[in-house]
Amino acid sequence: MDTVYISSLSHYIPAGRLTNEEILTKVRQANESHMKKEDLDLILYGNSRKFEFLGIKTRSFCETEKGDNAVHMACKAAENALEKAKMKPHQIDCLIASGVSNPFREPTFAIVIAKQIG
């Protein structure tokens, strides 16, 4: 049996950024028409405390109008990992993709990434 090892790790962070205040404003605007003010204020307060406690200043997001989506981000991360490892796509024997969201039920996300990067 061949030795299994990880040649490289990488990530991709989309260009879109929102500050904590921008996020809280969007939450307020999206919910103020159908929530009680007291309930919405409680949610906003809780989230602002979490941001403060965790030290979060901004959040990244996909700018879909610029072509960002889960596939784009995964492919960019894969391309970065290949470059760091000085490898070509055909040298990969196994591709494992993981994340907090998957844009597809089937096929597996890894197959879509493999096709996109060659």
PDB file of N, CA and C in Angstrom:
ATOM      1  N   MET A   1       0.836  -1.181   0.000  1.00  0.00           N
ATOM      2  CA  MET A   1       0.000   0.000   0.000  1.00  0.00           C
ATOM      3  C   MET A   1       0.879   1.242   0.000  1.00  0.00           C
ATOM      4  N   ASP A   2       0.500   2.227  -0.793  1.00  0.00           N
ATOM      5  CA  ASP A   2       1.252   3.480  -0.864  1.00  0.00           C
ATOM      6  C   ASP A   2       1.060   4.300   0.400  1.00  0.00           C
ATOM      7  N   THR A   3       2.008   5.147   0.667  1.00  0.00           N
ATOM      8  CA  THR A   3       1.904   6.056   1.793  1.00  0.00           C
ATOM      9  C   THR A   3       0.913   7.164   1.453  1.00  0.00           C
ATOM     10  N   VAL A   4       0.072   7.511   2.398  1.00  0.00           N
ATOM     11  CA  VAL A   4      -0.895   8.583   2.216  1.00  0.00           C
ATOM     12  C   VAL A   4      -0.405   9.797   2.990  1.00  0.00           C
ATOM     13  N   TYR A   5      -0.401  10.940   2.337  1.00  0.00           N
ATOM     14  CA  TYR A   5       0.011  12.156   3.026  1.00  0.00           C
ATOM     15  C   TYR A   5      -0.668  13.372   2.408  1.00  0.00           C
ATOM     16  N   ILE A   6      -0.675  14.442   3.153  1.00  0.00           N
ATOM     17  CA  ILE A   6      -1.222  15.711   2.688  1.00  0.00           C
ATOM     18  C   ILE A   6      -0.060  16.542   2.174  1.00  0.00           C
ATOM     19  N   SER A   7      -0.133  16.940   0.921  1.00  0.00           N
ATOM     20  CA  SER A   7       0.944  17.714   0.311  1.00  0.00           C
ATOM     21  C   SER A   7       0.836  19.205   0.595  1.00  0.00           C
ATOM     22  N   SER A   8      -0.392  19.673   0.790  1.00  0.00           N
ATOM     23  CA  SER A   8      -0.583  21.103   0.944  1.00  0.00           C
ATOM     24  C   SER A   8      -1.972  21.389   1.498  1.00  0.00           C
ATOM     25  N   LEU A   9      -2.106  22.499   2.165  1.00  0.00           N
ATOM     26  CA  LEU A   9      -3.395  23.008   2.625  1.00  0.00           C
ATOM     27  C   LEU A   9      -3.536  24.431   2.117  1.00  0.00           C
ATOM     28  N   SER A  10      -4.761  24.847   1.894  1.00  0.00           N
ATOM     29  CA  SER A  10      -4.981  26.211   1.458  1.00  0.00           C
ATOM     30  C   SER A  10      -6.384  26.651   1.839  1.00  0.00           C
ATOM     31  N   HIS A  11      -6.679  27.890   1.582  1.00  0.00           N
ATOM     32  CA  HIS A  11      -8.001  28.446   1.835  1.00  0.00           C
ATOM     33  C   HIS A  11      -8.227  29.590   0.856  1.00  0.00           C
ATOM     34  N   TYR A  12      -9.443  30.059   0.814  1.00  0.00           N
ATOM     35  CA  TYR A  12      -9.779  31.217  -0.008  1.00  0.00           C
ATOM     36  C   TYR A  12     -10.797  32.039   0.760  1.00  0.00           C
ATOM     37  N   ILE A  13     -10.578  33.320   0.829  1.00  0.00           N
ATOM     38  CA  ILE A  13     -11.505  34.214   1.509  1.00  0.00           C
ATOM     39  C   ILE A  13     -12.075  35.162   0.453  1.00  0.00           C
ATOM     40  N   PRO A  14     -13.390  35.190   0.312  1.00  0.00           N
ATOM     41  CA  PRO A  14     -13.977  36.066  -0.701  1.00  0.00           C
ATOM     42  C   PRO A  14     -13.754  37.543  -0.371  1.00  0.00           C
ATOM     43  N   ALA A  15     -13.863  38.384  -1.380  1.00  0.00           N
ATOM     44  CA  ALA A  15     -13.540  39.809  -1.236  1.00  0.00           C
ATOM     45  C   ALA A  15     -14.599  40.599  -0.466  1.00  0.00           C
ATOM     46  N   GLY A  16     -15.827  40.148  -0.463  1.00  0.00           N
ATOM     47  CA  GLY A  16     -16.892  40.897   0.202  1.00  0.00           C
ATOM     48  C   GLY A  16     -16.656  41.005   1.700  1.00  0.00           C
ATOM     49  N   ARG A  17     -16.890  42.186   2.267  1.00  0.00           N
ATOM     50  CA  ARG A  17     -16.714  42.405   3.697  1.00  0.00           C
ATOM     51  C   ARG A  17     -17.886  43.210   4.247  1.00  0.00           C
ATOM     52  N   LEU A  18     -18.320  42.850   5.429  1.00  0.00           N
ATOM     53  CA  LEU A  18     -19.321  43.618   6.167  1.00  0.00           C
ATOM     54  C   LEU A  18     -18.796  43.838   7.574  1.00  0.00           C
ATOM     55  N   THR A  19     -18.988  45.044   8.089  1.00  0.00           N
ATOM     56  CA  THR A  19     -18.626  45.319   9.481  1.00  0.00           C
ATOM     57  C   THR A  19     -19.749  44.804  10.377  1.00  0.00           C
ATOM     58  N   ASN A  20     -19.467  44.746  11.669  1.00  0.00           N
ATOM     59  CA  ASN A  20     -20.496  44.326  12.628  1.00  0.00           C
ATOM     60  C   ASN A  20     -21.729  45.217  12.531  1.00  0.00           C
ATOM     61  N   GLU A  21     -21.522  46.520  12.455  1.00  0.00           N
ATOM     62  CA  GLU A  21     -22.645  47.450  12.370  1.00  0.00           C
ATOM     63  C   GLU A  21     -23.472  47.219  11.110  1.00  0.00           C
ATOM     64  N   GLU A  22     -22.812  46.946   9.994  1.00  0.00           N
ATOM     65  CA  GLU A  22     -23.538  46.678   8.744  1.00  0.00           C
ATOM     66  C   GLU A  22     -24.378  45.404   8.869  1.00  0.00           C
ATOM     67  N   ILE A  23     -23.824  44.400   9.519  1.00  0.00           N
ATOM     68  CA  ILE A  23     -24.558  43.147   9.713  1.00  0.00           C
ATOM     69  C   ILE A  23     -25.786  43.384  10.588  1.00  0.00           C
ATOM     70  N   LEU A  24     -25.592  44.056  11.703  1.00  0.00           N
ATOM     71  CA  LEU A  24     -26.710  44.319  12.616  1.00  0.00           C
ATOM     72  C   LEU A  24     -27.783  45.188  11.950  1.00  0.00           C
ATOM     73  N   THR A  25     -27.374  46.135  11.133  1.00  0.00           N
ATOM     74  CA  THR A  25     -28.332  46.972  10.402  1.00  0.00           C
ATOM     75  C   THR A  25     -29.150  46.118   9.428  1.00  0.00           C
ATOM     76  N   LYS A  26     -28.487  45.213   8.717  1.00  0.00           N
ATOM     77  CA  LYS A  26     -29.200  44.331   7.776  1.00  0.00           C
ATOM     78  C   LYS A  26     -30.189  43.416   8.521  1.00  0.00           C
ATOM     79  N   VAL A  27     -29.769  42.891   9.667  1.00  0.00           N
ATOM     80  CA  VAL A  27     -30.669  42.040  10.460  1.00  0.00           C
ATOM     81  C   VAL A  27     -31.886  42.850  10.901  1.00  0.00           C
ATOM     82  N   ARG A  28     -31.642  44.065  11.383  1.00  0.00           N
ATOM     83  CA  ARG A  28     -32.760  44.920  11.819  1.00  0.00           C
ATOM     84  C   ARG A  28     -33.706  45.191  10.647  1.00  0.00           C
ATOM     85  N   GLN A  29     -33.172  45.610   9.517  1.00  0.00           N
ATOM     86  CA  GLN A  29     -33.999  45.947   8.359  1.00  0.00           C
ATOM     87  C   GLN A  29     -34.808  44.754   7.855  1.00  0.00           C
ATOM     88  N   ALA A  30     -34.210  43.571   7.907  1.00  0.00           N
ATOM     89  CA  ALA A  30     -34.895  42.379   7.405  1.00  0.00           C
ATOM     90  C   ALA A  30     -35.995  41.891   8.341  1.00  0.00           C
ATOM     91  N   ASN A  31     -35.947  42.292   9.611  1.00  0.00           N
ATOM     92  CA  ASN A  31     -36.878  41.735  10.591  1.00  0.00           C
ATOM     93  C   ASN A  31     -37.800  42.725  11.274  1.00  0.00           C
ATOM     94  N   GLU A  32     -37.553  44.020  11.129  1.00  0.00           N
ATOM     95  CA  GLU A  32     -38.334  44.996  11.895  1.00  0.00           C
ATOM     96  C   GLU A  32     -39.811  45.036  11.508  1.00  0.00           C
ATOM     97  N   SER A  33     -40.146  44.601  10.305  1.00  0.00           N
ATOM     98  CA  SER A  33     -41.554  44.666   9.889  1.00  0.00           C
ATOM     99  C   SER A  33     -42.398  43.519  10.450  1.00  0.00           C
ATOM    100  N   HIS A  34     -41.768  42.455  10.924  1.00  0.00           N
ATOM    101  CA  HIS A  34     -42.554  41.309  11.388  1.00  0.00           C
ATOM    102  C   HIS A  34     -42.161  40.781  12.779  1.00  0.00           C
ATOM    103  N   MET A  35     -41.297  41.487  13.466  1.00  0.00           N
ATOM    104  CA  MET A  35     -40.925  41.084  14.831  1.00  0.00           C
ATOM    105  C   MET A  35     -41.270  42.191  15.814  1.00  0.00           C
ATOM    106  N   LYS A  36     -41.543  41.782  17.028  1.00  0.00           N
ATOM    107  CA  LYS A  36     -41.728  42.769  18.086  1.00  0.00           C
ATOM    108  C   LYS A  36     -40.399  43.475  18.322  1.00  0.00           C
ATOM    109  N   LYS A  37     -40.465  44.766  18.574  1.00  0.00           N
ATOM    110  CA  LYS A  37     -39.254  45.550  18.798  1.00  0.00           C
ATOM    111  C   LYS A  37     -38.410  44.967  19.927  1.00  0.00           C
ATOM    112  N   GLU A  38     -39.053  44.544  21.011  1.00  0.00           N
ATOM    113  CA  GLU A  38     -38.319  44.001  22.159  1.00  0.00           C
ATOM    114  C   GLU A  38     -37.553  42.726  21.777  1.00  0.00           C
ATOM    115  N   ASP A  39     -38.194  41.873  20.979  1.00  0.00           N
ATOM    116  CA  ASP A  39     -37.542  40.630  20.558  1.00  0.00           C
ATOM    117  C   ASP A  39     -36.362  40.911  19.629  1.00  0.00           C
ATOM    118  N   LEU A  40     -36.581  41.806  18.676  1.00  0.00           N
ATOM    119  CA  LEU A  40     -35.512  42.153  17.742  1.00  0.00           C
ATOM    120  C   LEU A  40     -34.349  42.820  18.475  1.00  0.00           C
ATOM    121  N   ASP A  41     -34.651  43.710  19.415  1.00  0.00           N
ATOM    122  CA  ASP A  41     -33.590  44.353  20.202  1.00  0.00           C
ATOM    123  C   ASP A  41     -32.782  43.319  20.983  1.00  0.00           C
ATOM    124  N   LEU A  42     -33.450  42.309  21.505  1.00  0.00           N
ATOM    125  CA  LEU A  42     -32.759  41.249  22.247  1.00  0.00           C
ATOM    126  C   LEU A  42     -31.817  40.464  21.328  1.00  0.00           C
ATOM    127  N   ILE A  43     -32.283  40.138  20.143  1.00  0.00           N
ATOM    128  CA  ILE A  43     -31.444  39.419  19.166  1.00  0.00           C
ATOM    129  C   ILE A  43     -30.240  40.269  18.776  1.00  0.00           C
ATOM    130  N   LEU A  44     -30.471  41.526  18.485  1.00  0.00           N
ATOM    131  CA  LEU A  44     -29.384  42.422  18.092  1.00  0.00           C
ATOM    132  C   LEU A  44     -28.380  42.614  19.225  1.00  0.00           C
ATOM    133  N   TYR A  45     -28.885  42.757  20.443  1.00  0.00           N
ATOM    134  CA  TYR A  45     -27.997  42.897  21.594  1.00  0.00           C
ATOM    135  C   TYR A  45     -27.143  41.638  21.768  1.00  0.00           C
ATOM    136  N   GLY A  46     -27.775  40.479  21.693  1.00  0.00           N
ATOM    137  CA  GLY A  46     -27.039  39.214  21.838  1.00  0.00           C
ATOM    138  C   GLY A  46     -25.952  39.060  20.785  1.00  0.00           C
ATOM    139  N   ASN A  47     -26.279  39.411  19.547  1.00  0.00           N
ATOM    140  CA  ASN A  47     -25.284  39.304  18.483  1.00  0.00           C
ATOM    141  C   ASN A  47     -24.157  40.305  18.654  1.00  0.00           C
ATOM    142  N   SER A  48     -24.478  41.520  19.059  1.00  0.00           N
ATOM    143  CA  SER A  48     -23.418  42.512  19.256  1.00  0.00           C
ATOM    144  C   SER A  48     -22.489  42.089  20.390  1.00  0.00           C
ATOM    145  N   ARG A  49     -23.025  41.471  21.432  1.00  0.00           N
ATOM    146  CA  ARG A  49     -22.189  40.968  22.535  1.00  0.00           C
ATOM    147  C   ARG A  49     -21.285  39.824  22.054  1.00  0.00           C
ATOM    148  N   LYS A  50     -21.824  38.944  21.200  1.00  0.00           N
ATOM    149  CA  LYS A  50     -21.002  37.857  20.648  1.00  0.00           C
ATOM    150  C   LYS A  50     -19.855  38.422  19.822  1.00  0.00           C
ATOM    151  N   PHE A  51     -20.161  39.399  18.961  1.00  0.00           N
ATOM    152  CA  PHE A  51     -19.109  40.024  18.158  1.00  0.00           C
ATOM    153  C   PHE A  51     -18.031  40.611  19.060  1.00  0.00           C
ATOM    154  N   GLU A  52     -18.463  41.315  20.093  1.00  0.00           N
ATOM    155  CA  GLU A  52     -17.532  41.954  21.018  1.00  0.00           C
ATOM    156  C   GLU A  52     -16.682  40.910  21.744  1.00  0.00           C
ATOM    157  N   PHE A  53     -17.319  39.863  22.256  1.00  0.00           N
ATOM    158  CA  PHE A  53     -16.617  38.821  23.002  1.00  0.00           C
ATOM    159  C   PHE A  53     -15.601  38.093  22.123  1.00  0.00           C
ATOM    160  N   LEU A  54     -15.998  37.766  20.899  1.00  0.00           N
ATOM    161  CA  LEU A  54     -15.126  37.018  20.003  1.00  0.00           C
ATOM    162  C   LEU A  54     -14.072  37.884  19.319  1.00  0.00           C
ATOM    163  N   GLY A  55     -14.244  39.192  19.392  1.00  0.00           N
ATOM    164  CA  GLY A  55     -13.284  40.084  18.752  1.00  0.00           C
ATOM    165  C   GLY A  55     -13.479  40.187  17.250  1.00  0.00           C
ATOM    166  N   ILE A  56     -14.631  39.786  16.774  1.00  0.00           N
ATOM    167  CA  ILE A  56     -14.916  39.834  15.343  1.00  0.00           C
ATOM    168  C   ILE A  56     -15.139  41.280  14.934  1.00  0.00           C
ATOM    169  N   LYS A  57     -14.457  41.717  13.894  1.00  0.00           N
ATOM    170  CA  LYS A  57     -14.619  43.083  13.389  1.00  0.00           C
ATOM    171  C   LYS A  57     -15.376  43.106  12.063  1.00  0.00           C
ATOM    172  N   THR A  58     -15.096  42.134  11.206  1.00  0.00           N
ATOM    173  CA  THR A  58     -15.766  42.054   9.904  1.00  0.00           C
ATOM    174  C   THR A  58     -16.062  40.598   9.573  1.00  0.00           C
ATOM    175  N   ARG A  59     -16.959  40.410   8.636  1.00  0.00           N
ATOM    176  CA  ARG A  59     -17.282  39.084   8.102  1.00  0.00           C
ATOM    177  C   ARG A  59     -17.091  39.118   6.597  1.00  0.00           C
ATOM    178  N   SER A  60     -16.654  38.016   6.055  1.00  0.00           N
ATOM    179  CA  SER A  60     -16.492  37.891   4.608  1.00  0.00           C
ATOM    180  C   SER A  60     -17.747  37.280   4.016  1.00  0.00           C
ATOM    181  N   PHE A  61     -18.021  37.627   2.761  1.00  0.00           N
ATOM    182  CA  PHE A  61     -19.152  37.027   2.067  1.00  0.00           C
ATOM    183  C   PHE A  61     -18.886  37.003   0.572  1.00  0.00           C
ATOM    184  N   CYS A  62     -19.593  36.129  -0.118  1.00  0.00           N
ATOM    185  CA  CYS A  62     -19.461  36.019  -1.573  1.00  0.00           C
ATOM    186  C   CYS A  62     -20.164  37.183  -2.241  1.00  0.00           C
ATOM    187  N   GLU A  63     -19.473  37.805  -3.149  1.00  0.00           N
ATOM    188  CA  GLU A  63     -20.082  38.834  -3.976  1.00  0.00           C
ATOM    189  C   GLU A  63     -20.556  38.155  -5.254  1.00  0.00           C
ATOM    190  N   THR A  64     -21.769  37.646  -5.216  1.00  0.00           N
ATOM    191  CA  THR A  64     -22.275  36.833  -6.326  1.00  0.00           C
ATOM    192  C   THR A  64     -22.289  37.593  -7.644  1.00  0.00           C
ATOM    193  N   GLU A  65     -22.456  38.913  -7.585  1.00  0.00           N
ATOM    194  CA  GLU A  65     -22.432  39.688  -8.825  1.00  0.00           C
ATOM    195  C   GLU A  65     -21.042  39.690  -9.468  1.00  0.00           C
ATOM    196  N   LYS A  66     -20.019  39.340  -8.693  1.00  0.00           N
ATOM    197  CA  LYS A  66     -18.652  39.243  -9.224  1.00  0.00           C
ATOM    198  C   LYS A  66     -18.260  37.788  -9.495  1.00  0.00           C
ATOM    199  N   GLY A  67     -19.221  36.884  -9.399  1.00  0.00           N
ATOM    200  CA  GLY A  67     -18.952  35.489  -9.714  1.00  0.00           C
ATOM    201  C   GLY A  67     -18.554  34.628  -8.537  1.00  0.00           C
ATOM    202  N   ASP A  68     -18.522  35.185  -7.327  1.00  0.00           N
ATOM    203  CA  ASP A  68     -18.180  34.385  -6.147  1.00  0.00           C
ATOM    204  C   ASP A  68     -19.315  33.421  -5.818  1.00  0.00           C
ATOM    205  N   ASN A  69     -18.969  32.201  -5.523  1.00  0.00           N
ATOM    206  CA  ASN A  69     -19.900  31.210  -4.987  1.00  0.00           C
ATOM    207  C   ASN A  69     -19.065  30.101  -4.369  1.00  0.00           C
ATOM    208  N   ALA A  70     -19.697  29.088  -3.821  1.00  0.00           N
ATOM    209  CA  ALA A  70     -18.968  28.017  -3.125  1.00  0.00           C
ATOM    210  C   ALA A  70     -18.013  27.280  -4.059  1.00  0.00           C
ATOM    211  N   VAL A  71     -18.432  27.036  -5.288  1.00  0.00           N
ATOM    212  CA  VAL A  71     -17.561  26.337  -6.251  1.00  0.00           C
ATOM    213  C   VAL A  71     -16.344  27.194  -6.564  1.00  0.00           C
ATOM    214  N   HIS A  72     -16.554  28.464  -6.831  1.00  0.00           N
ATOM    215  CA  HIS A  72     -15.451  29.382  -7.129  1.00  0.00           C
ATOM    216  C   HIS A  72     -14.439  29.412  -5.984  1.00  0.00           C
ATOM    217  N   MET A  73     -14.939  29.534  -4.755  1.00  0.00           N
ATOM    218  CA  MET A  73     -14.039  29.597  -3.602  1.00  0.00           C
ATOM    219  C   MET A  73     -13.267  28.290  -3.424  1.00  0.00           C
ATOM    220  N   ALA A  74     -13.953  27.163  -3.579  1.00  0.00           N
ATOM    221  CA  ALA A  74     -13.283  25.864  -3.426  1.00  0.00           C
ATOM    222  C   ALA A  74     -12.212  25.659  -4.491  1.00  0.00           C
ATOM    223  N   CYS A  75     -12.522  26.056  -5.714  1.00  0.00           N
ATOM    224  CA  CYS A  75     -11.538  25.909  -6.798  1.00  0.00           C
ATOM    225  C   CYS A  75     -10.329  26.805  -6.576  1.00  0.00           C
ATOM    226  N   LYS A  76     -10.552  28.026  -6.106  1.00  0.00           N
ATOM    227  CA  LYS A  76      -9.434  28.922  -5.793  1.00  0.00           C
ATOM    228  C   LYS A  76      -8.552  28.320  -4.695  1.00  0.00           C
ATOM    229  N   ALA A  77      -9.169  27.757  -3.663  1.00  0.00           N
ATOM    230  CA  ALA A  77      -8.402  27.123  -2.589  1.00  0.00           C
ATOM    231  C   ALA A  77      -7.616  25.928  -3.126  1.00  0.00           C
ATOM    232  N   ALA A  78      -8.239  25.128  -3.987  1.00  0.00           N
ATOM    233  CA  ALA A  78      -7.559  23.966  -4.576  1.00  0.00           C
ATOM    234  C   ALA A  78      -6.383  24.403  -5.449  1.00  0.00           C
ATOM    235  N   GLU A  79      -6.601  25.426  -6.254  1.00  0.00           N
ATOM    236  CA  GLU A  79      -5.516  25.932  -7.104  1.00  0.00           C
ATOM    237  C   GLU A  79      -4.362  26.469  -6.263  1.00  0.00           C
ATOM    238  N   ASN A  80      -4.672  27.170  -5.175  1.00  0.00           N
ATOM    239  CA  ASN A  80      -3.632  27.672  -4.267  1.00  0.00           C
ATOM    240  C   ASN A  80      -2.855  26.520  -3.628  1.00  0.00           C
ATOM    241  N   ALA A  81      -3.574  25.470  -3.227  1.00  0.00           N
ATOM    242  CA  ALA A  81      -2.918  24.308  -2.612  1.00  0.00           C
ATOM    243  C   ALA A  81      -2.010  23.606  -3.616  1.00  0.00           C
ATOM    244  N   LEU A  82      -2.474  23.467  -4.848  1.00  0.00           N
ATOM    245  CA  LEU A  82      -1.645  22.852  -5.889  1.00  0.00           C
ATOM    246  C   LEU A  82      -0.372  23.660  -6.124  1.00  0.00           C
ATOM    247  N   GLU A  83      -0.517  24.964  -6.188  1.00  0.00           N
ATOM    248  CA  GLU A  83       0.644  25.824  -6.404  1.00  0.00           C
ATOM    249  C   GLU A  83       1.645  25.693  -5.256  1.00  0.00           C
ATOM    250  N   LYS A  84       1.152  25.704  -4.016  1.00  0.00           N
ATOM    251  CA  LYS A  84       2.036  25.558  -2.865  1.00  0.00           C
ATOM    252  C   LYS A  84       2.768  24.225  -2.875  1.00  0.00           C
ATOM    253  N   ALA A  85       2.073  23.165  -3.328  1.00  0.00           N
ATOM    254  CA  ALA A  85       2.674  21.827  -3.355  1.00  0.00           C
ATOM    255  C   ALA A  85       3.506  21.585  -4.613  1.00  0.00           C
ATOM    256  N   LYS A  86       3.486  22.570  -5.534  1.00  0.00           N
ATOM    257  CA  LYS A  86       4.178  22.419  -6.824  1.00  0.00           C
ATOM    258  C   LYS A  86       3.691  21.156  -7.552  1.00  0.00           C
ATOM    259  N   MET A  87       2.380  21.019  -7.593  1.00  0.00           N
ATOM    260  CA  MET A  87       1.743  19.855  -8.231  1.00  0.00           C
ATOM    261  C   MET A  87       0.797  20.308  -9.328  1.00  0.00           C
ATOM    262  N   LYS A  88       0.469  19.373 -10.213  1.00  0.00           N
ATOM    263  CA  LYS A  88      -0.530  19.564 -11.253  1.00  0.00           C
ATOM    264  C   LYS A  88      -1.775  18.764 -10.866  1.00  0.00           C
ATOM    265  N   PRO A  89      -2.956  19.180 -11.340  1.00  0.00           N
ATOM    266  CA  PRO A  89      -4.190  18.474 -10.975  1.00  0.00           C
ATOM    267  C   PRO A  89      -4.160  16.965 -11.228  1.00  0.00           C
ATOM    268  N   HIS A  90      -3.522  16.532 -12.319  1.00  0.00           N
ATOM    269  CA  HIS A  90      -3.513  15.096 -12.631  1.00  0.00           C
ATOM    270  C   HIS A  90      -2.710  14.273 -11.617  1.00  0.00           C
ATOM    271  N   GLN A  91      -1.956  14.926 -10.750  1.00  0.00           N
ATOM    272  CA  GLN A  91      -1.166  14.215  -9.745  1.00  0.00           C
ATOM    273  C   GLN A  91      -1.965  13.920  -8.474  1.00  0.00           C
ATOM    274  N   ILE A  92      -3.178  14.413  -8.395  1.00  0.00           N
ATOM    275  CA  ILE A  92      -4.008  14.190  -7.210  1.00  0.00           C
ATOM    276  C   ILE A  92      -4.701  12.844  -7.320  1.00  0.00           C
ATOM    277  N   ASP A  93      -4.572  12.031  -6.280  1.00  0.00           N
ATOM    278  CA  ASP A  93      -5.243  10.734  -6.244  1.00  0.00           C
ATOM    279  C   ASP A  93      -6.580  10.804  -5.516  1.00  0.00           C
ATOM    280  N   CYS A  94      -6.705  11.730  -4.574  1.00  0.00           N
ATOM    281  CA  CYS A  94      -7.939  11.832  -3.791  1.00  0.00           C
ATOM    282  C   CYS A  94      -8.156  13.292  -3.412  1.00  0.00           C
ATOM    283  N   LEU A  95      -9.349  13.770  -3.650  1.00  0.00           N
ATOM    284  CA  LEU A  95      -9.702  15.133  -3.295  1.00  0.00           C
ATOM    285  C   LEU A  95     -10.827  15.077  -2.275  1.00  0.00           C
ATOM    286  N   ILE A  96     -10.598  15.690  -1.127  1.00  0.00           N
ATOM    287  CA  ILE A  96     -11.614  15.741  -0.080  1.00  0.00           C
ATOM    288  C   ILE A  96     -12.011  17.201   0.087  1.00  0.00           C
ATOM    289  N   ALA A  97     -13.285  17.479  -0.047  1.00  0.00           N
ATOM    290  CA  ALA A  97     -13.787  18.843   0.128  1.00  0.00           C
ATOM    291  C   ALA A  97     -14.689  18.866   1.356  1.00  0.00           C
ATOM    292  N   SER A  98     -14.478  19.846   2.196  1.00  0.00           N
ATOM    293  CA  SER A  98     -15.347  19.984   3.362  1.00  0.00           C
ATOM    294  C   SER A  98     -15.683  21.454   3.543  1.00  0.00           C
ATOM    295  N   GLY A  99     -16.784  21.703   4.205  1.00  0.00           N
ATOM    296  CA  GLY A  99     -17.192  23.077   4.445  1.00  0.00           C
ATOM    297  C   GLY A  99     -18.474  23.090   5.240  1.00  0.00           C
ATOM    298  N   VAL A 100     -18.918  24.277   5.585  1.00  0.00           N
ATOM    299  CA  VAL A 100     -20.142  24.392   6.366  1.00  0.00           C
ATOM    300  C   VAL A 100     -21.390  24.360   5.494  1.00  0.00           C
ATOM    301  N   SER A 101     -21.199  24.495   4.203  1.00  0.00           N
ATOM    302  CA  SER A 101     -22.341  24.388   3.290  1.00  0.00           C
ATOM    303  C   SER A 101     -21.888  23.706   2.018  1.00  0.00           C
ATOM    304  N   ASN A 102     -22.803  23.016   1.403  1.00  0.00           N
ATOM    305  CA  ASN A 102     -22.523  22.322   0.161  1.00  0.00           C
ATOM    306  C   ASN A 102     -23.596  22.743  -0.831  1.00  0.00           C
ATOM    307  N   PRO A 103     -23.192  23.271  -1.984  1.00  0.00           N
ATOM    308  CA  PRO A 103     -24.203  23.751  -2.920  1.00  0.00           C
ATOM    309  C   PRO A 103     -24.961  22.641  -3.647  1.00  0.00           C
ATOM    310  N   PHE A 104     -24.566  21.396  -3.458  1.00  0.00           N
ATOM    311  CA  PHE A 104     -25.185  20.280  -4.167  1.00  0.00           C
ATOM    312  C   PHE A 104     -25.526  19.150  -3.209  1.00  0.00           C
ATOM    313  N   ARG A 105     -26.596  18.444  -3.494  1.00  0.00           N
ATOM    314  CA  ARG A 105     -26.850  17.178  -2.783  1.00  0.00           C
ATOM    315  C   ARG A 105     -26.032  16.086  -3.461  1.00  0.00           C
ATOM    316  N   GLU A 106     -26.081  16.040  -4.741  1.00  0.00           N
ATOM    317  CA  GLU A 106     -25.307  15.103  -5.552  1.00  0.00           C
ATOM    318  C   GLU A 106     -24.893  15.824  -6.810  1.00  0.00           C
ATOM    319  N   PRO A 107     -23.815  15.633  -7.419  1.00  0.00           N
ATOM    320  CA  PRO A 107     -22.718  14.779  -6.985  1.00  0.00           C
ATOM    321  C   PRO A 107     -21.975  15.422  -5.823  1.00  0.00           C
ATOM    322  N   THR A 108     -21.061  14.681  -5.270  1.00  0.00           N
ATOM    323  CA  THR A 108     -20.264  15.239  -4.192  1.00  0.00           C
ATOM    324  C   THR A 108     -19.526  16.483  -4.681  1.00  0.00           C
ATOM    325  N   PHE A 109     -19.370  17.426  -3.809  1.00  0.00           N
ATOM    326  CA  PHE A 109     -18.712  18.686  -4.118  1.00  0.00           C
ATOM    327  C   PHE A 109     -17.296  18.454  -4.669  1.00  0.00           C
ATOM    328  N   ALA A 110     -16.596  17.459  -4.156  1.00  0.00           N
ATOM    329  CA  ALA A 110     -15.227  17.170  -4.592  1.00  0.00           C
ATOM    330  C   ALA A 110     -15.160  16.852  -6.083  1.00  0.00           C
ATOM    331  N   ILE A 111     -16.162  16.187  -6.619  1.00  0.00           N
ATOM    332  CA  ILE A 111     -16.183  15.851  -8.048  1.00  0.00           C
ATOM    333  C   ILE A 111     -16.295  17.129  -8.885  1.00  0.00           C
ATOM    334  N   VAL A 112     -17.126  18.032  -8.451  1.00  0.00           N
ATOM    335  CA  VAL A 112     -17.310  19.299  -9.172  1.00  0.00           C
ATOM    336  C   VAL A 112     -16.003  20.093  -9.155  1.00  0.00           C
ATOM    337  N   ILE A 113     -15.335  20.159  -8.003  1.00  0.00           N
ATOM    338  CA  ILE A 113     -14.060  20.867  -7.892  1.00  0.00           C
ATOM    339  C   ILE A 113     -13.016  20.215  -8.788  1.00  0.00           C
ATOM    340  N   ALA A 114     -12.934  18.888  -8.746  1.00  0.00           N
ATOM    341  CA  ALA A 114     -11.956  18.159  -9.569  1.00  0.00           C
ATOM    342  C   ALA A 114     -12.143  18.480 -11.045  1.00  0.00           C
ATOM    343  N   LYS A 115     -13.372  18.503 -11.497  1.00  0.00           N
ATOM    344  CA  LYS A 115     -13.634  18.815 -12.903  1.00  0.00           C
ATOM    345  C   LYS A 115     -13.217  20.246 -13.219  1.00  0.00           C
ATOM    346  N   GLN A 116     -13.541  21.181 -12.332  1.00  0.00           N
ATOM    347  CA  GLN A 116     -13.239  22.581 -12.576  1.00  0.00           C
ATOM    348  C   GLN A 116     -11.728  22.857 -12.650  1.00  0.00           C
ATOM    349  N   ILE A 117     -10.936  22.182 -11.801  1.00  0.00           N
ATOM    350  CA  ILE A 117      -9.495  22.453 -11.783  1.00  0.00           C
ATOM    351  C   ILE A 117      -8.709  21.580 -12.751  1.00  0.00           C
ATOM    352  N   GLY A 118      -9.420  20.648 -13.402  1.00  0.00           N
ATOM    353  CA  GLY A 118      -8.768  19.835 -14.405  1.00  0.00           C
ATOM    354  C   GLY A 118      -8.291  18.499 -13.912  1.00  0.00           C
TER     355      GLY A 118
END
